[in-house]
């Protein structure tokens, strides 16, 4: 008799789900105990800033009030990003790449080029809204990135619209006299 012949292997199925189908909590040796919430140590309090010679404006004051009070204009700096975390720059770049795919200027992940002009217009509008909602809250690099992305995408939109008009045989606008 060879190994495996005549022997019948069996296995046991254990339901380790914490809740029943009705939503009641299970109990028993097969159910894993609930994980207690993690308690992080308290954050250390920062040291108090040194007193300033000039009277500082209220935190909600306008930039004009800050200049009048003698406070130097704040330079926005990009916050350090955690490894693998989504940054504002990556978000803007992903929206720009998505818009280029929607305009048919870049292949989609499946390898084909497809035009979705309404979606491309919506994506440009989203970037424009993002720019208007983040005024004064971006670093110089982030502001330059969103400005450049919007400019390039709007120019690409115009080029695609012109190419569509040419392909449909739309009449060209008359050339100005004297040319």
Protein backbone atom coordinates (compact mmCIF):
# COMPACT_ATOMS: atom_id res chain seq x y z
CA UNK A 1 0.00 0.00 0.00
CA UNK A 2 1.42 3.36 -0.99
CA UNK A 3 1.25 6.48 1.05
CA UNK A 4 -2.10 8.22 0.73
CA UNK A 5 -3.99 5.08 -0.35
CA UNK A 6 -6.63 4.08 2.08
CA UNK A 7 -6.01 7.10 4.25
CA UNK A 8 -8.65 9.74 4.23
CA UNK A 9 -7.37 13.22 5.04
CA UNK A 10 -9.70 15.56 6.80
CA UNK A 11 -9.62 19.16 7.76
CA UNK A 12 -11.50 21.37 10.17
CA UNK A 13 -13.15 24.66 9.22
CA UNK A 14 -13.05 27.27 11.96
CA UNK A 15 -15.15 30.40 11.73
CA UNK A 16 -13.02 33.15 13.26
CA UNK A 17 -15.35 36.02 12.47
CA UNK A 18 -16.10 38.22 15.42
CA UNK A 19 -19.78 38.80 14.60
CA UNK A 20 -22.64 36.54 13.55
CA UNK A 21 -24.78 37.13 10.48
CA UNK A 22 -27.33 38.84 12.70
CA UNK A 23 -24.68 41.23 14.02
CA UNK A 24 -24.30 39.69 17.47
CA UNK A 25 -20.81 39.35 18.90
CA UNK A 26 -19.47 35.80 18.97
CA UNK A 27 -17.62 34.29 21.87
CA UNK A 28 -15.67 31.11 22.29
CA UNK A 29 -12.19 29.66 21.91
CA UNK A 30 -12.10 30.08 18.10
CA UNK A 31 -12.93 33.79 18.08
CA UNK A 32 -10.05 36.22 18.37
CA UNK A 33 -10.44 38.67 21.24
CA UNK A 34 -11.15 42.30 20.26
CA UNK A 35 -8.05 44.41 19.79
CA UNK A 36 -7.81 47.11 22.47
CA UNK A 37 -7.45 50.67 21.15
CA UNK A 38 -3.88 51.90 20.84
CA UNK A 39 -2.85 54.55 23.32
CA UNK A 40 -0.10 56.87 22.13
CA UNK A 41 1.99 58.79 24.64
CA UNK A 42 0.99 62.47 24.93
CA UNK A 43 2.69 64.89 22.54
CA UNK A 44 5.31 67.13 24.20
CA UNK A 45 4.25 70.78 24.43
CA UNK A 46 6.41 73.23 22.42
CA UNK A 47 8.37 75.84 24.31
CA UNK A 48 6.80 79.29 24.47
CA UNK A 49 8.06 81.63 21.73
CA UNK A 50 10.20 84.59 22.81
CA UNK A 51 8.31 87.88 23.20
CA UNK A 52 8.42 90.18 20.16
CA UNK A 53 9.40 93.82 20.31
CA UNK A 54 6.65 94.99 17.95
CA UNK A 55 3.00 94.40 18.70
CA UNK A 56 1.85 91.42 16.63
CA UNK A 57 -1.52 91.61 14.88
CA UNK A 58 -4.35 89.26 15.69
CA UNK A 59 -4.02 85.78 14.15
CA UNK A 60 -6.95 86.39 11.79
CA UNK A 61 -5.70 89.82 10.70
CA UNK A 62 -5.25 90.62 7.03
CA UNK A 63 -1.74 90.81 5.48
CA UNK A 64 -1.97 94.62 5.45
CA UNK A 65 -2.33 94.58 9.23
CA UNK A 66 0.72 92.32 9.51
CA UNK A 67 2.84 94.71 7.43
CA UNK A 68 1.62 97.69 9.46
CA UNK A 69 2.55 95.94 12.70
CA UNK A 70 6.10 95.41 11.47
CA UNK A 71 5.82 91.64 11.17
CA UNK A 72 7.85 90.16 8.32
CA UNK A 73 5.73 88.61 5.58
CA UNK A 74 5.43 84.88 6.08
CA UNK A 75 7.08 82.68 3.50
CA UNK A 76 5.04 79.53 3.01
CA UNK A 77 7.20 76.43 3.10
CA UNK A 78 6.21 73.01 1.90
CA UNK A 79 5.43 70.71 4.79
CA UNK A 80 7.71 67.68 4.99
CA UNK A 81 5.94 64.74 3.42
CA UNK A 82 5.93 61.28 4.91
CA UNK A 83 7.38 58.56 2.71
CA UNK A 84 4.67 57.17 0.45
CA UNK A 85 2.16 59.85 1.45
CA UNK A 86 0.23 61.83 -1.11
CA UNK A 87 1.60 65.35 -1.39
CA UNK A 88 -0.04 68.37 -2.95
CA UNK A 89 2.46 68.23 -5.82
CA UNK A 90 1.67 64.58 -6.56
CA UNK A 91 -2.04 65.35 -6.42
CA UNK A 92 -1.73 68.19 -8.94
CA UNK A 93 0.47 66.05 -11.19
CA UNK A 94 -2.00 63.16 -11.07
CA UNK A 95 -4.88 65.47 -12.03
CA UNK A 96 -2.81 66.88 -14.90
CA UNK A 97 -1.93 63.39 -16.13
CA UNK A 98 -5.57 62.35 -15.90
CA UNK A 99 -6.58 65.39 -17.95
CA UNK A 100 -4.00 64.58 -20.63
CA UNK A 101 -5.44 61.06 -20.87
CA UNK A 102 -8.96 62.49 -21.13
CA UNK A 103 -7.83 64.79 -23.95
CA UNK A 104 -6.42 61.80 -25.81
CA UNK A 105 -2.86 63.15 -25.66
CA UNK A 106 -1.62 60.32 -23.46
CA UNK A 107 -2.58 56.63 -23.46
CA UNK A 108 -4.76 55.28 -20.67
CA UNK A 109 -3.35 52.52 -18.43
CA UNK A 110 -4.87 49.89 -20.75
CA UNK A 111 -2.70 51.28 -23.57
CA UNK A 112 -5.37 52.92 -25.74
CA UNK A 113 -5.94 56.61 -26.35
CA UNK A 114 -9.49 57.79 -25.78
CA UNK A 115 -10.99 61.26 -25.75
CA UNK A 116 -13.38 62.29 -22.99
CA UNK A 117 -13.64 66.04 -23.53
CA UNK A 118 -16.33 66.74 -20.94
CA UNK A 119 -14.31 64.96 -18.26
CA UNK A 120 -11.17 66.82 -19.33
CA UNK A 121 -12.99 70.14 -18.98
CA UNK A 122 -14.19 69.09 -15.53
CA UNK A 123 -10.66 68.16 -14.49
CA UNK A 124 -9.34 71.56 -15.61
CA UNK A 125 -12.17 73.20 -13.67
CA UNK A 126 -11.23 71.17 -10.58
CA UNK A 127 -7.63 72.36 -10.82
CA UNK A 128 -8.80 75.97 -11.25
CA UNK A 129 -11.06 75.64 -8.20
CA UNK A 130 -8.21 74.09 -6.22
CA UNK A 131 -5.98 77.02 -7.18
CA UNK A 132 -8.57 79.57 -6.08
CA UNK A 133 -9.30 77.77 -2.79
CA UNK A 134 -5.63 77.49 -1.82
CA UNK A 135 -4.64 81.13 -2.40
CA UNK A 136 -2.08 82.10 0.23
CA UNK A 137 -1.69 78.55 1.54
CA UNK A 138 0.84 77.17 -0.95
CA UNK A 139 4.59 77.29 -1.06
CA UNK A 140 6.20 79.06 -4.01
CA UNK A 141 6.97 75.71 -5.66
CA UNK A 142 3.41 74.46 -5.24
CA UNK A 143 1.97 77.71 -6.59
CA UNK A 144 4.29 77.57 -9.60
CA UNK A 145 3.34 73.91 -10.22
CA UNK A 146 -0.41 74.51 -10.20
CA UNK A 147 -0.05 77.64 -12.38
CA UNK A 148 2.08 75.78 -14.93
CA UNK A 149 -0.23 72.75 -14.94
CA UNK A 150 -3.32 74.90 -15.52
CA UNK A 151 -1.62 76.87 -18.30
CA UNK A 152 -0.40 73.74 -20.09
CA UNK A 153 -3.74 71.96 -19.78
CA UNK A 154 -5.70 74.96 -21.05
CA UNK A 155 -3.34 75.26 -24.03
CA UNK A 156 -3.69 71.53 -24.71
CA UNK A 157 -7.48 71.89 -24.53
CA UNK A 158 -7.37 74.65 -27.17
CA UNK A 159 -5.08 72.61 -29.43
CA UNK A 160 -7.38 69.58 -29.24
CA UNK A 161 -10.44 71.73 -29.98
CA UNK A 162 -8.68 73.28 -32.99
CA UNK A 163 -7.62 69.86 -34.26
CA UNK A 164 -11.21 68.60 -33.99
CA UNK A 165 -12.49 71.65 -35.86
CA UNK A 166 -9.91 71.14 -38.63
CA UNK A 167 -10.74 67.45 -38.94
CA UNK A 168 -14.45 68.21 -39.31
CA UNK A 169 -13.69 70.62 -42.13
CA UNK A 170 -14.95 73.65 -40.28
CA UNK A 171 -14.34 76.82 -42.25
CA UNK A 172 -11.31 78.76 -41.12
CA UNK A 173 -11.85 82.27 -39.89
CA UNK A 174 -11.14 84.82 -42.61
CA UNK A 175 -7.60 86.14 -42.69
CA UNK A 176 -7.28 89.80 -41.81
CA UNK A 177 -6.97 92.12 -44.85
CA UNK A 178 -3.48 93.07 -45.87
CA UNK A 179 -1.87 89.75 -45.15
